[in-house]
């Protein structure tokens, strides 16, 4: 997996890029958890998300937000990090001009940034949000939500209560032509300790569902299903 340095608004951004041999392979951008609480692109949830997309035939990019690892700049309360995500997506798109579709996936703080990116970038076909911090940040900007997607949550999350995430998923599901697949993983805490295999299985399953519906990797085709897994 090649190391890549790209230009961001505050200097370089440290990235890991996994290309695909298929020039029409869909692309997926990974967004890591809070930089001030140890979040990096090497986070186990982000790594597993990335591997699930790679196994599904995507070209993927994960990167460190400003001030993390070798990325330059300092934490910017989400505003600068959103700009970093946009810069990373620009690079991923320019490196894959024939991509069949575009996805974004984020964990915790990264899920919040990813869903803001949806509002800026209409070319994003789908999202995957893992433990979006609905109890901490305002998600009211998703009005309307521009894309359908998968939300994954642990029922033993002591940082983001499952109830707050469920309410977010229910609110988004009520929007016209938006289909939210909300799945609760039994026994999972915020970091999905000992549950990463189930997390990966859900991501792979959701992508496979979209492929089966569309007939082509990652291309938008709404689907709605709710699942609770033990």
C-alpha atoms as a PDB file:
ATOM      1  CA  UNK A   1       0.000   0.000   0.000  1.00  0.00           C
ATOM      2  CA  UNK A   2       1.820   3.147  -1.203  1.00  0.00           C
ATOM      3  CA  UNK A   3       2.510   6.074   1.108  1.00  0.00           C
ATOM      4  CA  UNK A   4       1.332   9.302  -0.493  1.00  0.00           C
ATOM      5  CA  UNK A   5       1.820  12.939   0.451  1.00  0.00           C
ATOM      6  CA  UNK A   6      -0.755  15.354  -0.958  1.00  0.00           C
ATOM      7  CA  UNK A   7      -1.160  19.097  -0.640  1.00  0.00           C
ATOM      8  CA  UNK A   8      -3.734  20.369   1.838  1.00  0.00           C
ATOM      9  CA  UNK A   9      -4.755  23.873   2.823  1.00  0.00           C
ATOM     10  CA  UNK A  10      -2.279  23.875   5.747  1.00  0.00           C
ATOM     11  CA  UNK A  11       0.516  21.939   4.060  1.00  0.00           C
ATOM     12  CA  UNK A  12       1.113  18.279   3.387  1.00  0.00           C
ATOM     13  CA  UNK A  13      -1.305  15.489   4.302  1.00  0.00           C
ATOM     14  CA  UNK A  14       0.058  12.017   4.992  1.00  0.00           C
ATOM     15  CA  UNK A  15      -1.941   9.315   3.206  1.00  0.00           C
ATOM     16  CA  UNK A  16      -2.066   5.616   2.416  1.00  0.00           C
ATOM     17  CA  UNK A  17      -3.422   4.801  -1.032  1.00  0.00           C
ATOM     18  CA  UNK A  18      -4.592   1.425  -2.289  1.00  0.00           C
ATOM     19  CA  UNK A  19      -5.097   1.548  -6.073  1.00  0.00           C
ATOM     20  CA  UNK A  20      -7.136  -0.913  -8.070  1.00  0.00           C
ATOM     21  CA  UNK A  21      -6.133  -2.648 -11.295  1.00  0.00           C
ATOM     22  CA  UNK A  22      -9.600  -1.860 -12.663  1.00  0.00           C
ATOM     23  CA  UNK A  23      -9.694   1.695 -14.014  1.00  0.00           C
ATOM     24  CA  UNK A  24     -13.447   1.839 -13.405  1.00  0.00           C
ATOM     25  CA  UNK A  25     -13.180   0.656  -9.821  1.00  0.00           C
ATOM     26  CA  UNK A  26     -15.243   2.756  -7.406  1.00  0.00           C
ATOM     27  CA  UNK A  27     -13.349   4.894  -4.911  1.00  0.00           C
ATOM     28  CA  UNK A  28     -13.715   5.240  -1.138  1.00  0.00           C
ATOM     29  CA  UNK A  29     -12.270   7.806   1.275  1.00  0.00           C
ATOM     30  CA  UNK A  30     -11.671   6.871   4.947  1.00  0.00           C
ATOM     31  CA  UNK A  31     -11.922   9.458   7.750  1.00  0.00           C
ATOM     32  CA  UNK A  32     -10.383   8.703  11.142  1.00  0.00           C
ATOM     33  CA  UNK A  33     -11.620   9.551  14.672  1.00  0.00           C
ATOM     34  CA  UNK A  34     -10.831  12.635  16.742  1.00  0.00           C
ATOM     35  CA  UNK A  35      -7.241  13.886  16.315  1.00  0.00           C
ATOM     36  CA  UNK A  36      -7.068  15.116  19.920  1.00  0.00           C
ATOM     37  CA  UNK A  37      -8.078  11.749  21.320  1.00  0.00           C
ATOM     38  CA  UNK A  38      -5.544   9.571  19.551  1.00  0.00           C
ATOM     39  CA  UNK A  39      -7.329   9.242  16.226  1.00  0.00           C
ATOM     40  CA  UNK A  40      -5.156   8.424  13.207  1.00  0.00           C
ATOM     41  CA  UNK A  41      -5.522   6.686   9.859  1.00  0.00           C
ATOM     42  CA  UNK A  42      -4.033   3.606  11.563  1.00  0.00           C
ATOM     43  CA  UNK A  43      -7.024   3.277  13.905  1.00  0.00           C
ATOM     44  CA  UNK A  44      -8.243  -0.338  13.898  1.00  0.00           C
ATOM     45  CA  UNK A  45     -11.785   0.547  12.837  1.00  0.00           C
ATOM     46  CA  UNK A  46     -10.494   2.658   9.932  1.00  0.00           C
ATOM     47  CA  UNK A  47      -8.046  -0.060   8.900  1.00  0.00           C
ATOM     48  CA  UNK A  48     -10.830  -2.659   8.860  1.00  0.00           C
ATOM     49  CA  UNK A  49     -13.146  -0.356   6.927  1.00  0.00           C
ATOM     50  CA  UNK A  50     -10.388   0.193   4.395  1.00  0.00           C
ATOM     51  CA  UNK A  51      -9.721  -3.524   4.009  1.00  0.00           C
ATOM     52  CA  UNK A  52     -13.422  -4.237   3.515  1.00  0.00           C
ATOM     53  CA  UNK A  53     -13.527  -1.773   0.627  1.00  0.00           C
ATOM     54  CA  UNK A  54     -10.316  -3.137  -0.877  1.00  0.00           C
ATOM     55  CA  UNK A  55     -11.688  -6.685  -0.791  1.00  0.00           C
ATOM     56  CA  UNK A  56     -14.798  -5.361  -2.520  1.00  0.00           C
ATOM     57  CA  UNK A  57     -12.737  -4.020  -5.420  1.00  0.00           C
ATOM     58  CA  UNK A  58     -12.471  -0.331  -4.497  1.00  0.00           C
ATOM     59  CA  UNK A  59      -9.510   2.007  -4.795  1.00  0.00           C
ATOM     60  CA  UNK A  60      -9.155   3.531  -1.327  1.00  0.00           C
ATOM     61  CA  UNK A  61      -7.459   6.418   0.433  1.00  0.00           C
ATOM     62  CA  UNK A  62      -7.012   6.964   4.146  1.00  0.00           C
ATOM     63  CA  UNK A  63      -5.093   9.913   5.541  1.00  0.00           C
ATOM     64  CA  UNK A  64      -4.138  11.786   8.693  1.00  0.00           C
ATOM     65  CA  UNK A  65      -5.971  15.010   9.414  1.00  0.00           C
ATOM     66  CA  UNK A  66      -3.861  18.137   9.942  1.00  0.00           C
ATOM     67  CA  UNK A  67      -1.513  17.902  12.900  1.00  0.00           C
ATOM     68  CA  UNK A  68      -1.609  14.091  13.033  1.00  0.00           C
ATOM     69  CA  UNK A  69       1.438  11.994  12.134  1.00  0.00           C
ATOM     70  CA  UNK A  70       3.315  13.651   9.283  1.00  0.00           C
ATOM     71  CA  UNK A  71       0.377  15.841   8.269  1.00  0.00           C
ATOM     72  CA  UNK A  72       1.089  19.527   8.775  1.00  0.00           C
ATOM     73  CA  UNK A  73      -1.091  22.099  10.534  1.00  0.00           C
ATOM     74  CA  UNK A  74      -3.010  22.074  13.812  1.00  0.00           C
ATOM     75  CA  UNK A  75      -6.428  20.868  14.921  1.00  0.00           C
ATOM     76  CA  UNK A  76      -9.184  23.159  13.669  1.00  0.00           C
ATOM     77  CA  UNK A  77     -12.380  22.044  15.487  1.00  0.00           C
ATOM     78  CA  UNK A  78     -13.677  20.288  12.402  1.00  0.00           C
ATOM     79  CA  UNK A  79     -13.638  23.218   9.968  1.00  0.00           C
ATOM     80  CA  UNK A  80     -10.079  22.606   8.804  1.00  0.00           C
ATOM     81  CA  UNK A  81     -10.521  18.851   8.926  1.00  0.00           C
ATOM     82  CA  UNK A  82     -13.440  19.136   6.513  1.00  0.00           C
ATOM     83  CA  UNK A  83     -11.162  21.049   4.166  1.00  0.00           C
ATOM     84  CA  UNK A  84      -8.555  18.288   4.546  1.00  0.00           C
ATOM     85  CA  UNK A  85     -11.182  15.689   3.600  1.00  0.00           C
ATOM     86  CA  UNK A  86     -12.128  17.696   0.510  1.00  0.00           C
ATOM     87  CA  UNK A  87      -8.465  17.926  -0.536  1.00  0.00           C
ATOM     88  CA  UNK A  88      -8.032  14.180  -0.079  1.00  0.00           C
ATOM     89  CA  UNK A  89     -11.154  13.463  -2.114  1.00  0.00           C
ATOM     90  CA  UNK A  90      -9.908  15.767  -4.876  1.00  0.00           C
ATOM     91  CA  UNK A  91      -6.670  13.775  -5.065  1.00  0.00           C
ATOM     92  CA  UNK A  92      -8.468  10.426  -5.030  1.00  0.00           C
ATOM     93  CA  UNK A  93     -10.812  11.513  -7.807  1.00  0.00           C
ATOM     94  CA  UNK A  94      -8.016  12.939  -9.955  1.00  0.00           C
ATOM     95  CA  UNK A  95      -6.117   9.651  -9.574  1.00  0.00           C
ATOM     96  CA  UNK A  96      -9.203   7.656 -10.612  1.00  0.00           C
ATOM     97  CA  UNK A  97     -10.983   9.757 -13.258  1.00  0.00           C
ATOM     98  CA  UNK A  98     -13.015   6.808 -14.563  1.00  0.00           C
ATOM     99  CA  UNK A  99     -14.271   5.574 -11.182  1.00  0.00           C
ATOM    100  CA  UNK A 100     -17.736   4.046 -11.344  1.00  0.00           C
ATOM    101  CA  UNK A 101     -18.794   5.585  -8.030  1.00  0.00           C
ATOM    102  CA  UNK A 102     -17.605   7.511  -4.985  1.00  0.00           C
ATOM    103  CA  UNK A 103     -18.092   6.529  -1.337  1.00  0.00           C
ATOM    104  CA  UNK A 104     -16.996   8.065   1.960  1.00  0.00           C
ATOM    105  CA  UNK A 105     -16.573   6.170   5.235  1.00  0.00           C
ATOM    106  CA  UNK A 106     -15.842   7.578   8.665  1.00  0.00           C
ATOM    107  CA  UNK A 107     -15.606   6.540  12.290  1.00  0.00           C
ATOM    108  CA  UNK A 108     -16.809   8.737  15.184  1.00  0.00           C
ATOM    109  CA  UNK A 109     -15.414  12.264  14.566  1.00  0.00           C
ATOM    110  CA  UNK A 110     -14.553  11.080  11.059  1.00  0.00           C
ATOM    111  CA  UNK A 111     -18.197  10.092  10.518  1.00  0.00           C
ATOM    112  CA  UNK A 112     -19.254  13.637  11.428  1.00  0.00           C
ATOM    113  CA  UNK A 113     -16.729  15.080   8.957  1.00  0.00           C
ATOM    114  CA  UNK A 114     -17.774  12.573   6.296  1.00  0.00           C
ATOM    115  CA  UNK A 115     -21.432  13.478   6.542  1.00  0.00           C
ATOM    116  CA  UNK A 116     -20.555  17.157   6.238  1.00  0.00           C
ATOM    117  CA  UNK A 117     -18.556  16.287   3.130  1.00  0.00           C
ATOM    118  CA  UNK A 118     -21.745  14.777   1.661  1.00  0.00           C
ATOM    119  CA  UNK A 119     -23.295  18.237   1.719  1.00  0.00           C
ATOM    120  CA  UNK A 120     -20.389  19.748  -0.208  1.00  0.00           C
ATOM    121  CA  UNK A 121     -19.802  17.030  -2.750  1.00  0.00           C
ATOM    122  CA  UNK A 122     -22.865  15.828  -4.671  1.00  0.00           C
ATOM    123  CA  UNK A 123     -20.760  13.258  -6.523  1.00  0.00           C
ATOM    124  CA  UNK A 124     -20.592  11.121  -3.347  1.00  0.00           C
ATOM    125  CA  UNK A 125     -22.925   8.193  -4.035  1.00  0.00           C
ATOM    126  CA  UNK A 126     -23.012   6.536  -0.624  1.00  0.00           C
ATOM    127  CA  UNK A 127     -21.653   6.799   2.893  1.00  0.00           C
ATOM    128  CA  UNK A 128     -20.773   4.482   5.751  1.00  0.00           C
ATOM    129  CA  UNK A 129     -20.826   6.038   9.215  1.00  0.00           C
ATOM    130  CA  UNK A 130     -19.544   4.081  12.196  1.00  0.00           C
ATOM    131  CA  UNK A 131     -20.653   5.373  15.601  1.00  0.00           C
ATOM    132  CA  UNK A 132     -21.470   8.888  14.372  1.00  0.00           C
ATOM    133  CA  UNK A 133     -21.270  11.136  17.466  1.00  0.00           C
ATOM    134  CA  UNK A 134     -24.876  12.328  17.404  1.00  0.00           C
ATOM    135  CA  UNK A 135     -24.773  12.958  21.164  1.00  0.00           C
ATOM    136  CA  UNK A 136     -21.785  15.298  20.819  1.00  0.00           C
ATOM    137  CA  UNK A 137     -22.145  17.140  17.504  1.00  0.00           C
ATOM    138  CA  UNK A 138     -25.090  18.684  15.696  1.00  0.00           C
ATOM    139  CA  UNK A 139     -26.121  16.757  12.576  1.00  0.00           C
ATOM    140  CA  UNK A 140     -28.860  19.233  11.708  1.00  0.00           C
ATOM    141  CA  UNK A 141     -26.980  20.209   8.542  1.00  0.00           C
ATOM    142  CA  UNK A 142     -28.290  16.977   6.967  1.00  0.00           C
ATOM    143  CA  UNK A 143     -31.486  18.651   5.839  1.00  0.00           C
ATOM    144  CA  UNK A 144     -31.936  17.152   3.409  1.00  0.00           C
ATOM    145  CA  UNK A 145     -29.386  14.342   3.489  1.00  0.00           C
ATOM    146  CA  UNK A 146     -28.062  14.038  -0.086  1.00  0.00           C
ATOM    147  CA  UNK A 147     -27.079  10.349  -0.076  1.00  0.00           C
ATOM    148  CA  UNK A 148     -28.207   7.012   1.286  1.00  0.00           C
ATOM    149  CA  UNK A 149     -25.904   4.907   3.401  1.00  0.00           C
ATOM    150  CA  UNK A 150     -25.080   2.503   6.211  1.00  0.00           C
ATOM    151  CA  UNK A 151     -24.861   3.488   9.888  1.00  0.00           C
ATOM    152  CA  UNK A 152     -23.212   1.025  12.274  1.00  0.00           C
ATOM    153  CA  UNK A 153     -23.434   1.314  16.054  1.00  0.00           C
ATOM    154  CA  UNK A 154     -22.507  -0.762  19.084  1.00  0.00           C
ATOM    155  CA  UNK A 155     -25.128  -1.231  21.784  1.00  0.00           C
ATOM    156  CA  UNK A 156     -22.478  -0.941  24.529  1.00  0.00           C
ATOM    157  CA  UNK A 157     -20.945   2.292  23.303  1.00  0.00           C
ATOM    158  CA  UNK A 158     -20.137   4.407  26.379  1.00  0.00           C
ATOM    159  CA  UNK A 159     -19.134   7.451  24.298  1.00  0.00           C
ATOM    160  CA  UNK A 160     -21.964   7.627  21.764  1.00  0.00           C
ATOM    161  CA  UNK A 161     -25.189   6.215  23.239  1.00  0.00           C
ATOM    162  CA  UNK A 162     -26.990   3.896  20.837  1.00  0.00           C
ATOM    163  CA  UNK A 163     -30.235   5.811  21.354  1.00  0.00           C
ATOM    164  CA  UNK A 164     -28.764   9.032  19.944  1.00  0.00           C
ATOM    165  CA  UNK A 165     -27.487   7.262  16.837  1.00  0.00           C
ATOM    166  CA  UNK A 166     -30.788   5.460  16.356  1.00  0.00           C
ATOM    167  CA  UNK A 167     -32.676   8.757  16.481  1.00  0.00           C
ATOM    168  CA  UNK A 168     -30.321  10.195  13.858  1.00  0.00           C
ATOM    169  CA  UNK A 169     -30.877   7.189  11.596  1.00  0.00           C
ATOM    170  CA  UNK A 170     -34.654   7.408  12.029  1.00  0.00           C
ATOM    171  CA  UNK A 171     -34.661  11.131  11.240  1.00  0.00           C
ATOM    172  CA  UNK A 172     -32.630  10.638   8.077  1.00  0.00           C
ATOM    173  CA  UNK A 173     -34.799   7.695   7.019  1.00  0.00           C
ATOM    174  CA  UNK A 174     -37.851   9.946   6.930  1.00  0.00           C
ATOM    175  CA  UNK A 175     -36.350  12.071   4.175  1.00  0.00           C
ATOM    176  CA  UNK A 176     -37.595  11.492   0.659  1.00  0.00           C
ATOM    177  CA  UNK A 177     -35.585   9.043  -1.468  1.00  0.00           C
ATOM    178  CA  UNK A 178     -33.039   8.518   1.332  1.00  0.00           C
ATOM    179  CA  UNK A 179     -32.586   4.988   2.617  1.00  0.00           C
ATOM    180  CA  UNK A 180     -30.599   4.400   5.778  1.00  0.00           C
ATOM    181  CA  UNK A 181     -29.522   0.876   6.678  1.00  0.00           C
ATOM    182  CA  UNK A 182     -29.068   1.072  10.461  1.00  0.00           C
ATOM    183  CA  UNK A 183     -27.377  -1.899  12.104  1.00  0.00           C
ATOM    184  CA  UNK A 184     -26.658  -2.450  15.780  1.00  0.00           C
ATOM    185  CA  UNK A 185     -23.824  -4.790  16.742  1.00  0.00           C
ATOM    186  CA  UNK A 186     -24.590  -6.533  20.019  1.00  0.00           C
ATOM    187  CA  UNK A 187     -21.892  -6.307  22.665  1.00  0.00           C
ATOM    188  CA  UNK A 188     -19.800  -3.738  20.767  1.00  0.00           C
ATOM    189  CA  UNK A 189     -18.277  -0.760  22.561  1.00  0.00           C
ATOM    190  CA  UNK A 190     -17.243   2.489  20.879  1.00  0.00           C
ATOM    191  CA  UNK A 191     -14.042   0.979  19.469  1.00  0.00           C
ATOM    192  CA  UNK A 192     -15.680  -2.349  18.524  1.00  0.00           C
ATOM    193  CA  UNK A 193     -13.205  -4.255  20.649  1.00  0.00           C
ATOM    194  CA  UNK A 194     -13.410  -7.957  19.772  1.00  0.00           C
ATOM    195  CA  UNK A 195     -16.173  -7.092  17.271  1.00  0.00           C
ATOM    196  CA  UNK A 196     -14.115  -5.843  14.328  1.00  0.00           C
ATOM    197  CA  UNK A 197     -14.853  -9.005  12.385  1.00  0.00           C
ATOM    198  CA  UNK A 198     -18.581  -8.330  12.661  1.00  0.00           C
ATOM    199  CA  UNK A 199     -18.026  -4.713  11.665  1.00  0.00           C
ATOM    200  CA  UNK A 200     -16.122  -5.793   8.563  1.00  0.00           C
ATOM    201  CA  UNK A 201     -18.767  -8.391   7.693  1.00  0.00           C
ATOM    202  CA  UNK A 202     -21.498  -5.747   7.790  1.00  0.00           C
ATOM    203  CA  UNK A 203     -19.563  -3.364   5.585  1.00  0.00           C
ATOM    204  CA  UNK A 204     -18.818  -6.104   3.058  1.00  0.00           C
ATOM    205  CA  UNK A 205     -22.451  -7.222   3.130  1.00  0.00           C
ATOM    206  CA  UNK A 206     -23.769  -3.699   2.562  1.00  0.00           C
ATOM    207  CA  UNK A 207     -21.439  -3.113  -0.376  1.00  0.00           C
ATOM    208  CA  UNK A 208     -22.417  -6.482  -1.849  1.00  0.00           C
ATOM    209  CA  UNK A 209     -26.097  -5.545  -1.560  1.00  0.00           C
ATOM    210  CA  UNK A 210     -25.514  -2.349  -3.511  1.00  0.00           C
ATOM    211  CA  UNK A 211     -23.539  -4.220  -6.154  1.00  0.00           C
ATOM    212  CA  UNK A 212     -26.318  -6.780  -6.529  1.00  0.00           C
ATOM    213  CA  UNK A 213     -28.947  -4.056  -6.847  1.00  0.00           C
ATOM    214  CA  UNK A 214     -27.023  -1.932  -9.327  1.00  0.00           C
ATOM    215  CA  UNK A 215     -25.214  -4.575 -11.339  1.00  0.00           C
ATOM    216  CA  UNK A 216     -22.017  -2.565 -11.061  1.00  0.00           C
ATOM    217  CA  UNK A 217     -19.637  -1.973  -8.173  1.00  0.00           C
ATOM    218  CA  UNK A 218     -20.670   0.800  -5.848  1.00  0.00           C
ATOM    219  CA  UNK A 219     -23.154   2.574  -8.137  1.00  0.00           C
ATOM    220  CA  UNK A 220     -26.093   4.196  -6.389  1.00  0.00           C
ATOM    221  CA  UNK A 221     -29.242   2.121  -6.048  1.00  0.00           C
ATOM    222  CA  UNK A 222     -31.313   2.777  -2.910  1.00  0.00           C
ATOM    223  CA  UNK A 223     -31.934  -0.085  -0.507  1.00  0.00           C
ATOM    224  CA  UNK A 224     -33.335  -0.114   2.978  1.00  0.00           C
ATOM    225  CA  UNK A 225     -32.965  -2.760   5.624  1.00  0.00           C
ATOM    226  CA  UNK A 226     -32.608  -2.731   9.374  1.00  0.00           C
ATOM    227  CA  UNK A 227     -30.692  -5.433  11.167  1.00  0.00           C
ATOM    228  CA  UNK A 228     -29.692  -6.316  14.697  1.00  0.00           C
ATOM    229  CA  UNK A 229     -26.828  -8.732  15.008  1.00  0.00           C
ATOM    230  CA  UNK A 230     -25.800 -10.767  17.998  1.00  0.00           C
END
